[in-house]
Amino acid sequence: MIMMQTTTDRLAWVKSSYSGGAGGECVEVAATEAAVHVRDSKDTAREALTVAPAAWSAFVDFARRA
């Protein structure tokens, strides 16, 4: 479930451990108690996708099993 898009300037972003140093597809995530924010590290000016923590957890669990 997508909650909304929001400004996320003051969040602590973490880059995916699967992101290489040569560029390409890079995802960054910033988690708060109320939401998980996901953005493209190459286009940080674009608004982040914001989802509920339970939705993010379900996505991560699914991705681990795939």
PDB file of N, CA and C in Angstrom:
ATOM      1  N   MET A   1       0.841  -1.171   0.000  1.00  0.00           N
ATOM      2  CA  MET A   1       0.000   0.000   0.000  1.00  0.00           C
ATOM      3  C   MET A   1       0.888   1.235   0.000  1.00  0.00           C
ATOM      4  N   ILE A   2       0.705   2.108  -0.959  1.00  0.00           N
ATOM      5  CA  ILE A   2       1.447   3.367  -1.014  1.00  0.00           C
ATOM      6  C   ILE A   2       0.705   4.381  -0.161  1.00  0.00           C
ATOM      7  N   MET A   3       1.435   4.986   0.766  1.00  0.00           N
ATOM      8  CA  MET A   3       0.808   5.973   1.641  1.00  0.00           C
ATOM      9  C   MET A   3       0.744   7.332   0.960  1.00  0.00           C
ATOM     10  N   MET A   4       1.883   7.831   0.493  1.00  0.00           N
ATOM     11  CA  MET A   4       1.960   9.134  -0.156  1.00  0.00           C
ATOM     12  C   MET A   4       3.402   9.386  -0.538  1.00  0.00           C
ATOM     13  N   GLN A   5       3.629  10.450  -1.267  1.00  0.00           N
ATOM     14  CA  GLN A   5       4.984  10.899  -1.514  1.00  0.00           C
ATOM     15  C   GLN A   5       5.232  12.069  -0.581  1.00  0.00           C
ATOM     16  N   THR A   6       6.458  12.198  -0.109  1.00  0.00           N
ATOM     17  CA  THR A   6       6.750  13.223   0.874  1.00  0.00           C
ATOM     18  C   THR A   6       8.160  13.753   0.692  1.00  0.00           C
ATOM     19  N   THR A   7       8.430  14.945   1.208  1.00  0.00           N
ATOM     20  CA  THR A   7       9.784  15.481   1.192  1.00  0.00           C
ATOM     21  C   THR A   7      10.582  14.766   2.262  1.00  0.00           C
ATOM     22  N   THR A   8      11.790  14.341   1.912  1.00  0.00           N
ATOM     23  CA  THR A   8      12.566  13.489   2.806  1.00  0.00           C
ATOM     24  C   THR A   8      13.991  13.995   2.978  1.00  0.00           C
ATOM     25  N   ASP A   9      14.170  15.305   2.991  1.00  0.00           N
ATOM     26  CA  ASP A   9      15.502  15.908   3.048  1.00  0.00           C
ATOM     27  C   ASP A   9      16.291  15.553   4.305  1.00  0.00           C
ATOM     28  N   ARG A  10      15.634  15.358   5.423  1.00  0.00           N
ATOM     29  CA  ARG A  10      16.347  15.182   6.692  1.00  0.00           C
ATOM     30  C   ARG A  10      16.466  13.732   7.143  1.00  0.00           C
ATOM     31  N   LEU A  11      16.189  12.788   6.269  1.00  0.00           N
ATOM     32  CA  LEU A  11      16.271  11.375   6.639  1.00  0.00           C
ATOM     33  C   LEU A  11      17.683  10.836   6.460  1.00  0.00           C
ATOM     34  N   ALA A  12      17.981   9.760   7.179  1.00  0.00           N
ATOM     35  CA  ALA A  12      19.269   9.063   7.039  1.00  0.00           C
ATOM     36  C   ALA A  12      19.088   7.959   6.002  1.00  0.00           C
ATOM     37  N   TRP A  13      19.620   8.177   4.803  1.00  0.00           N
ATOM     38  CA  TRP A  13      19.464   7.239   3.694  1.00  0.00           C
ATOM     39  C   TRP A  13      20.543   6.175   3.720  1.00  0.00           C
ATOM     40  N   VAL A  14      20.166   4.944   3.402  1.00  0.00           N
ATOM     41  CA  VAL A  14      21.095   3.814   3.338  1.00  0.00           C
ATOM     42  C   VAL A  14      20.998   3.223   1.936  1.00  0.00           C
ATOM     43  N   LYS A  15      22.137   3.073   1.276  1.00  0.00           N
ATOM     44  CA  LYS A  15      22.157   2.507  -0.074  1.00  0.00           C
ATOM     45  C   LYS A  15      22.156   0.987   0.004  1.00  0.00           C
ATOM     46  N   SER A  16      21.497   0.369  -0.932  1.00  0.00           N
ATOM     47  CA  SER A  16      21.440  -1.084  -0.993  1.00  0.00           C
ATOM     48  C   SER A  16      22.840  -1.687  -1.039  1.00  0.00           C
ATOM     49  N   SER A  17      23.052  -2.758  -0.320  1.00  0.00           N
ATOM     50  CA  SER A  17      24.343  -3.452  -0.355  1.00  0.00           C
ATOM     51  C   SER A  17      24.585  -4.116  -1.702  1.00  0.00           C
ATOM     52  N   TYR A  18      23.564  -4.246  -2.524  1.00  0.00           N
ATOM     53  CA  TYR A  18      23.699  -4.819  -3.856  1.00  0.00           C
ATOM     54  C   TYR A  18      24.093  -3.773  -4.897  1.00  0.00           C
ATOM     55  N   SER A  19      24.139  -2.504  -4.519  1.00  0.00           N
ATOM     56  CA  SER A  19      24.528  -1.452  -5.453  1.00  0.00           C
ATOM     57  C   SER A  19      26.031  -1.503  -5.662  1.00  0.00           C
ATOM     58  N   GLY A  20      26.448  -1.473  -6.897  1.00  0.00           N
ATOM     59  CA  GLY A  20      27.868  -1.494  -7.211  1.00  0.00           C
ATOM     60  C   GLY A  20      28.444  -0.091  -7.248  1.00  0.00           C
ATOM     61  N   GLY A  21      29.743   0.019  -7.258  1.00  0.00           N
ATOM     62  CA  GLY A  21      30.401   1.306  -7.309  1.00  0.00           C
ATOM     63  C   GLY A  21      30.447   1.905  -8.707  1.00  0.00           C
ATOM     64  N   ALA A  22      30.032   1.148  -9.722  1.00  0.00           N
ATOM     65  CA  ALA A  22      30.121   1.612 -11.103  1.00  0.00           C
ATOM     66  C   ALA A  22      28.841   2.272 -11.589  1.00  0.00           C
ATOM     67  N   GLY A  23      27.902   2.551 -10.714  1.00  0.00           N
ATOM     68  CA  GLY A  23      26.641   3.163 -11.140  1.00  0.00           C
ATOM     69  C   GLY A  23      25.586   2.109 -11.374  1.00  0.00           C
ATOM     70  N   GLY A  24      24.679   2.382 -12.286  1.00  0.00           N
ATOM     71  CA  GLY A  24      23.596   1.445 -12.554  1.00  0.00           C
ATOM     72  C   GLY A  24      22.419   1.698 -11.635  1.00  0.00           C
ATOM     73  N   GLU A  25      21.628   0.667 -11.425  1.00  0.00           N
ATOM     74  CA  GLU A  25      20.437   0.801 -10.582  1.00  0.00           C
ATOM     75  C   GLU A  25      20.830   0.798  -9.111  1.00  0.00           C
ATOM     76  N   CYS A  26      20.557   1.885  -8.434  1.00  0.00           N
ATOM     77  CA  CYS A  26      20.869   1.997  -7.009  1.00  0.00           C
ATOM     78  C   CYS A  26      19.619   2.444  -6.254  1.00  0.00           C
ATOM     79  N   VAL A  27      19.335   1.752  -5.191  1.00  0.00           N
ATOM     80  CA  VAL A  27      18.172   2.073  -4.371  1.00  0.00           C
ATOM     81  C   VAL A  27      18.658   2.490  -2.998  1.00  0.00           C
ATOM     82  N   GLU A  28      18.048   3.545  -2.458  1.00  0.00           N
ATOM     83  CA  GLU A  28      18.327   3.971  -1.096  1.00  0.00           C
ATOM     84  C   GLU A  28      17.035   3.897  -0.297  1.00  0.00           C
ATOM     85  N   VAL A  29      17.162   3.554   0.974  1.00  0.00           N
ATOM     86  CA  VAL A  29      16.010   3.409   1.856  1.00  0.00           C
ATOM     87  C   VAL A  29      16.258   4.203   3.127  1.00  0.00           C
ATOM     88  N   ALA A  30      15.215   4.863   3.612  1.00  0.00           N
ATOM     89  CA  ALA A  30      15.270   5.552   4.900  1.00  0.00           C
ATOM     90  C   ALA A  30      14.022   5.141   5.678  1.00  0.00           C
ATOM     91  N   ALA A  31      14.223   4.564   6.840  1.00  0.00           N
ATOM     92  CA  ALA A  31      13.102   4.076   7.644  1.00  0.00           C
ATOM     93  C   ALA A  31      12.885   4.962   8.857  1.00  0.00           C
ATOM     94  N   THR A  32      11.626   5.233   9.134  1.00  0.00           N
ATOM     95  CA  THR A  32      11.220   5.907  10.363  1.00  0.00           C
ATOM     96  C   THR A  32      10.209   4.999  11.052  1.00  0.00           C
ATOM     97  N   GLU A  33       9.767   5.382  12.199  1.00  0.00           N
ATOM     98  CA  GLU A  33       8.779   4.572  12.903  1.00  0.00           C
ATOM     99  C   GLU A  33       7.460   4.512  12.128  1.00  0.00           C
ATOM    100  N   ALA A  34       7.130   5.578  11.423  1.00  0.00           N
ATOM    101  CA  ALA A  34       5.835   5.672  10.752  1.00  0.00           C
ATOM    102  C   ALA A  34       5.844   5.257   9.286  1.00  0.00           C
ATOM    103  N   ALA A  35       7.022   5.239   8.643  1.00  0.00           N
ATOM    104  CA  ALA A  35       7.052   4.975   7.202  1.00  0.00           C
ATOM    105  C   ALA A  35       8.434   4.521   6.756  1.00  0.00           C
ATOM    106  N   VAL A  36       8.472   3.914   5.574  1.00  0.00           N
ATOM    107  CA  VAL A  36       9.723   3.561   4.919  1.00  0.00           C
ATOM    108  C   VAL A  36       9.736   4.305   3.584  1.00  0.00           C
ATOM    109  N   HIS A  37      10.827   5.018   3.331  1.00  0.00           N
ATOM    110  CA  HIS A  37      10.970   5.833   2.129  1.00  0.00           C
ATOM    111  C   HIS A  37      11.999   5.170   1.222  1.00  0.00           C
ATOM    112  N   VAL A  38      11.696   5.112  -0.074  1.00  0.00           N
ATOM    113  CA  VAL A  38      12.570   4.461  -1.052  1.00  0.00           C
ATOM    114  C   VAL A  38      12.797   5.447  -2.191  1.00  0.00           C
ATOM    115  N   ARG A  39      14.074   5.592  -2.616  1.00  0.00           N
ATOM    116  CA  ARG A  39      14.361   6.506  -3.721  1.00  0.00           C
ATOM    117  C   ARG A  39      15.484   5.953  -4.598  1.00  0.00           C
ATOM    118  N   ASP A  40      15.587   6.526  -5.782  1.00  0.00           N
ATOM    119  CA  ASP A  40      16.656   6.238  -6.730  1.00  0.00           C
ATOM    120  C   ASP A  40      17.839   7.115  -6.342  1.00  0.00           C
ATOM    121  N   SER A  41      18.976   6.513  -6.041  1.00  0.00           N
ATOM    122  CA  SER A  41      20.129   7.292  -5.577  1.00  0.00           C
ATOM    123  C   SER A  41      20.714   8.181  -6.665  1.00  0.00           C
ATOM    124  N   LYS A  42      20.398   7.904  -7.923  1.00  0.00           N
ATOM    125  CA  LYS A  42      20.898   8.735  -9.018  1.00  0.00           C
ATOM    126  C   LYS A  42      20.019   9.948  -9.257  1.00  0.00           C
ATOM    127  N   ASP A  43      18.816   9.980  -8.677  1.00  0.00           N
ATOM    128  CA  ASP A  43      17.871  11.075  -8.894  1.00  0.00           C
ATOM    129  C   ASP A  43      17.245  11.467  -7.558  1.00  0.00           C
ATOM    130  N   THR A  44      18.075  11.965  -6.645  1.00  0.00           N
ATOM    131  CA  THR A  44      17.611  12.263  -5.291  1.00  0.00           C
ATOM    132  C   THR A  44      16.702  13.482  -5.222  1.00  0.00           C
ATOM    133  N   ALA A  45      16.626  14.269  -6.284  1.00  0.00           N
ATOM    134  CA  ALA A  45      15.721  15.415  -6.301  1.00  0.00           C
ATOM    135  C   ALA A  45      14.270  14.972  -6.482  1.00  0.00           C
ATOM    136  N   ARG A  46      14.082  13.798  -7.048  1.00  0.00           N
ATOM    137  CA  ARG A  46      12.730  13.266  -7.237  1.00  0.00           C
ATOM    138  C   ARG A  46      12.174  12.807  -5.897  1.00  0.00           C
ATOM    139  N   GLU A  47      10.885  12.965  -5.710  1.00  0.00           N
ATOM    140  CA  GLU A  47      10.240  12.537  -4.467  1.00  0.00           C
ATOM    141  C   GLU A  47      10.418  11.038  -4.244  1.00  0.00           C
ATOM    142  N   ALA A  48      10.557  10.653  -3.009  1.00  0.00           N
ATOM    143  CA  ALA A  48      10.692   9.243  -2.651  1.00  0.00           C
ATOM    144  C   ALA A  48       9.322   8.576  -2.606  1.00  0.00           C
ATOM    145  N   LEU A  49       9.327   7.286  -2.829  1.00  0.00           N
ATOM    146  CA  LEU A  49       8.131   6.478  -2.631  1.00  0.00           C
ATOM    147  C   LEU A  49       8.038   6.196  -1.141  1.00  0.00           C
ATOM    148  N   THR A  50       6.874   6.386  -0.553  1.00  0.00           N
ATOM    149  CA  THR A  50       6.699   6.190   0.877  1.00  0.00           C
ATOM    150  C   THR A  50       5.657   5.099   1.107  1.00  0.00           C
ATOM    151  N   VAL A  51       6.034   4.097   1.903  1.00  0.00           N
ATOM    152  CA  VAL A  51       5.128   2.975   2.171  1.00  0.00           C
ATOM    153  C   VAL A  51       5.057   2.721   3.676  1.00  0.00           C
ATOM    154  N   ALA A  52       4.021   2.030   4.072  1.00  0.00           N
ATOM    155  CA  ALA A  52       3.866   1.635   5.476  1.00  0.00           C
ATOM    156  C   ALA A  52       4.934   0.602   5.824  1.00  0.00           C
ATOM    157  N   PRO A  53       5.426   0.617   7.070  1.00  0.00           N
ATOM    158  CA  PRO A  53       6.443  -0.364   7.467  1.00  0.00           C
ATOM    159  C   PRO A  53       6.016  -1.818   7.228  1.00  0.00           C
ATOM    160  N   ALA A  54       4.756  -2.137   7.453  1.00  0.00           N
ATOM    161  CA  ALA A  54       4.291  -3.513   7.234  1.00  0.00           C
ATOM    162  C   ALA A  54       4.360  -3.886   5.751  1.00  0.00           C
ATOM    163  N   ALA A  55       4.058  -2.938   4.868  1.00  0.00           N
ATOM    164  CA  ALA A  55       4.141  -3.206   3.429  1.00  0.00           C
ATOM    165  C   ALA A  55       5.589  -3.420   3.013  1.00  0.00           C
ATOM    166  N   TRP A  56       6.506  -2.627   3.552  1.00  0.00           N
ATOM    167  CA  TRP A  56       7.927  -2.798   3.221  1.00  0.00           C
ATOM    168  C   TRP A  56       8.431  -4.145   3.718  1.00  0.00           C
ATOM    169  N   SER A  57       8.054  -4.508   4.916  1.00  0.00           N
ATOM    170  CA  SER A  57       8.463  -5.790   5.488  1.00  0.00           C
ATOM    171  C   SER A  57       7.956  -6.948   4.629  1.00  0.00           C
ATOM    172  N   ALA A  58       6.708  -6.872   4.175  1.00  0.00           N
ATOM    173  CA  ALA A  58       6.161  -7.919   3.316  1.00  0.00           C
ATOM    174  C   ALA A  58       6.917  -7.986   1.991  1.00  0.00           C
ATOM    175  N   PHE A  59       7.268  -6.834   1.413  1.00  0.00           N
ATOM    176  CA  PHE A  59       8.033  -6.805   0.175  1.00  0.00           C
ATOM    177  C   PHE A  59       9.416  -7.445   0.368  1.00  0.00           C
ATOM    178  N   VAL A  60      10.105  -7.089   1.433  1.00  0.00           N
ATOM    179  CA  VAL A  60      11.438  -7.644   1.687  1.00  0.00           C
ATOM    180  C   VAL A  60      11.361  -9.153   1.901  1.00  0.00           C
ATOM    181  N   ASP A  61      10.378  -9.605   2.664  1.00  0.00           N
ATOM    182  CA  ASP A  61      10.203 -11.046   2.868  1.00  0.00           C
ATOM    183  C   ASP A  61       9.964 -11.766   1.540  1.00  0.00           C
ATOM    184  N   PHE A  62       9.123 -11.190   0.674  1.00  0.00           N
ATOM    185  CA  PHE A  62       8.851 -11.773  -0.638  1.00  0.00           C
ATOM    186  C   PHE A  62      10.121 -11.816  -1.480  1.00  0.00           C
ATOM    187  N   ALA A  63      10.875 -10.710  -1.495  1.00  0.00           N
ATOM    188  CA  ALA A  63      12.087 -10.638  -2.305  1.00  0.00           C
ATOM    189  C   ALA A  63      13.133 -11.651  -1.835  1.00  0.00           C
ATOM    190  N   ARG A  64      13.237 -11.880  -0.561  1.00  0.00           N
ATOM    191  CA  ARG A  64      14.191 -12.868  -0.050  1.00  0.00           C
ATOM    192  C   ARG A  64      13.870 -14.272  -0.513  1.00  0.00           C
ATOM    193  N   ARG A  65      12.587 -14.567  -0.662  1.00  0.00           N
ATOM    194  CA  ARG A  65      12.158 -15.912  -1.073  1.00  0.00           C
ATOM    195  C   ARG A  65      12.225 -16.104  -2.586  1.00  0.00           C
ATOM    196  N   ALA A  66      12.269 -15.014  -3.334  1.00  0.00           N
ATOM    197  CA  ALA A  66      12.238 -15.107  -4.817  1.00  0.00           C
ATOM    198  C   ALA A  66      13.557 -15.576  -5.369  1.00  0.00           C
TER     199      ALA A  66
END
